[in-house]
Protein backbone atom coordinates (compact mmCIF):
# COMPACT_ATOMS: atom_id res chain seq x y z
CA MET A 1 -5.28 -21.60 -12.00
CA ALA A 2 -3.19 -19.71 -9.17
CA TRP A 3 -5.27 -17.26 -7.21
CA MET A 4 -2.27 -14.97 -6.91
CA ASP A 5 0.59 -13.71 -9.23
CA GLY A 6 3.53 -14.01 -6.67
CA SER A 7 5.85 -12.20 -8.93
CA VAL A 8 3.72 -9.14 -8.70
CA ALA A 9 2.93 -9.40 -5.28
CA LEU A 10 7.06 -9.23 -4.32
CA ARG A 11 7.42 -6.50 -6.84
CA ALA A 12 4.44 -4.45 -5.16
CA ALA A 13 5.99 -5.10 -1.81
CA LEU A 14 9.11 -3.82 -2.77
CA ILE A 15 7.74 -0.95 -4.68
CA MET A 16 5.63 0.05 -1.85
CA ALA A 17 7.99 -0.04 0.81
CA ALA A 18 10.58 1.62 -1.59
CA SER A 19 8.29 4.51 -2.17
CA LEU A 20 6.89 4.89 1.55
CA ALA A 21 10.66 5.25 2.58
CA VAL A 22 11.40 7.77 0.26
CA VAL A 23 8.14 9.77 0.89
CA GLY A 24 8.82 9.27 4.52
CA VAL A 25 12.37 10.59 4.43
CA ALA A 26 11.13 13.51 2.01
CA LEU A 27 8.54 14.58 4.26
CA ALA A 28 10.36 14.49 7.54
CA VAL A 29 13.21 16.73 6.24
CA ALA A 30 10.98 19.20 4.72
CA LEU A 31 8.58 19.56 7.26
CA PRO A 32 8.55 20.56 11.14
CA HIS A 33 7.63 17.94 13.80
CA GLU A 34 4.79 19.82 14.72
CA PHE A 35 3.34 19.25 11.01
CA PHE A 36 2.76 15.76 11.75
CA GLU A 37 1.29 16.37 15.33
CA ASP A 38 -1.49 18.50 13.61
CA TYR A 39 -1.92 16.83 10.38
CA GLY A 40 -0.70 13.45 10.54
CA TRP A 41 -3.60 12.29 10.42
CA ALA A 42 -3.95 13.40 6.59
CA ALA A 43 -0.27 13.26 5.48
CA GLY A 44 -0.24 9.53 6.48
CA PRO A 45 -3.04 8.25 4.53
CA GLY A 46 -2.30 10.60 1.58
CA ALA A 47 1.50 9.50 1.39
CA TRP A 48 -0.27 5.79 1.58
CA ALA A 49 -2.63 6.16 -1.43
CA ALA A 50 -0.05 8.26 -3.41
CA CYS A 51 2.11 5.33 -2.94
CA ALA A 52 0.03 2.64 -3.88
CA LEU A 53 -1.36 4.36 -6.79
CA LEU A 54 2.59 4.65 -8.08
CA THR A 55 3.04 0.99 -7.13
CA GLY A 56 -0.16 0.00 -9.29
CA THR A 57 0.81 2.23 -11.94
CA MET A 58 4.33 0.74 -12.24
CA LEU A 59 2.73 -2.85 -11.96
CA ARG A 60 -0.08 -1.84 -14.64
CA LEU A 61 -3.06 -2.34 -12.34
CA ALA A 62 -6.24 -0.76 -12.29
CA PRO A 63 -6.23 2.67 -10.05
CA LEU A 64 -9.62 1.86 -8.27
CA PRO A 65 -9.06 -1.52 -7.19
CA VAL A 66 -5.41 -0.45 -6.33
CA LEU A 67 -6.76 2.41 -4.15
CA ALA A 68 -9.31 -0.16 -2.66
CA GLY A 69 -6.75 -2.57 -1.51
CA ALA A 70 -4.66 0.35 -0.21
CA ALA A 71 -7.61 1.44 2.03
CA VAL A 72 -8.06 -1.93 3.45
CA ALA A 73 -4.35 -2.67 3.82
CA GLY A 74 -3.92 0.63 5.73
CA LEU A 75 -6.19 -0.71 8.69
CA PRO A 76 -3.42 -1.87 10.40
CA GLY A 77 -1.62 1.25 10.35
CA LEU A 78 -4.63 2.65 11.94
CA ALA A 79 -4.70 -0.04 14.55
CA GLY A 80 -0.87 0.77 15.30
CA VAL A 81 -1.67 4.28 15.82
CA LEU A 82 -4.72 3.70 18.51
CA LEU A 83 -2.32 1.11 20.14
CA GLY A 84 0.50 3.75 20.24
CA ALA A 85 2.82 1.88 18.05
CA HIS A 86 2.60 3.23 14.64
CA TRP A 87 5.45 1.65 13.45
CA LEU A 88 4.13 -1.62 13.65
CA GLY A 89 1.31 -1.17 11.50
CA PRO A 90 3.09 -0.22 7.85
CA PRO A 91 5.03 -3.46 7.61
CA PHE A 92 1.60 -5.44 7.76
CA GLY A 93 -0.16 -3.29 5.59
CA ILE A 94 2.57 -3.51 3.32
CA VAL A 95 2.22 -6.97 2.99
CA LEU A 96 -1.58 -6.92 2.55
CA PHE A 97 -1.31 -4.59 -0.05
CA ALA A 98 1.15 -6.92 -1.90
CA LEU A 99 -0.91 -9.71 -1.47
CA TRP A 100 -4.14 -7.75 -2.96
CA CYS A 101 -2.01 -6.53 -5.91
CA GLY A 102 -1.00 -10.41 -6.66
CA ARG A 103 -4.43 -11.13 -6.65
CA LEU A 104 -5.56 -8.17 -8.93
CA ALA A 105 -3.03 -9.19 -11.33
CA ALA A 106 -3.93 -12.74 -11.13
CA GLY A 107 -7.78 -12.01 -11.95
CA SER A 108 -6.72 -9.40 -14.71
CA ARG A 109 -4.97 -12.18 -17.04
CA PRO A 110 -6.73 -13.87 -19.88
CA GLY A 111 -8.59 -16.86 -19.17
CA THR A 112 -9.00 -15.89 -15.17
CA THR A 113 -11.74 -14.41 -13.30
CA ALA A 114 -11.83 -12.72 -10.24
CA ALA A 115 -13.91 -15.62 -8.69
CA ALA A 116 -11.64 -18.21 -9.62
CA ALA A 117 -9.74 -19.23 -6.55
């Protein structure tokens, strides 16, 4: 039994990266730089969660486990912000989130359990 569905993980990474790019560009075009200085602490995690939910919906994964994985996978982004290198966190977060989604998909297959690893 596989502990992770590699196809779902790869699709999750691609969907998450593409949706984050679209949302990031849309926000950057629509809002002034000052918005991100004042409200980036809310806009970033909000966009991350929304993109995670979109990804989970497209992959037919349960929303609460997807949000839990997104929260954990978002921690590298927080570390990047605290280190002054915000750009460093999202790539690591996307990989972690994709692995989480692959694991969720493998655990939801008939005949498998989340504990089977």
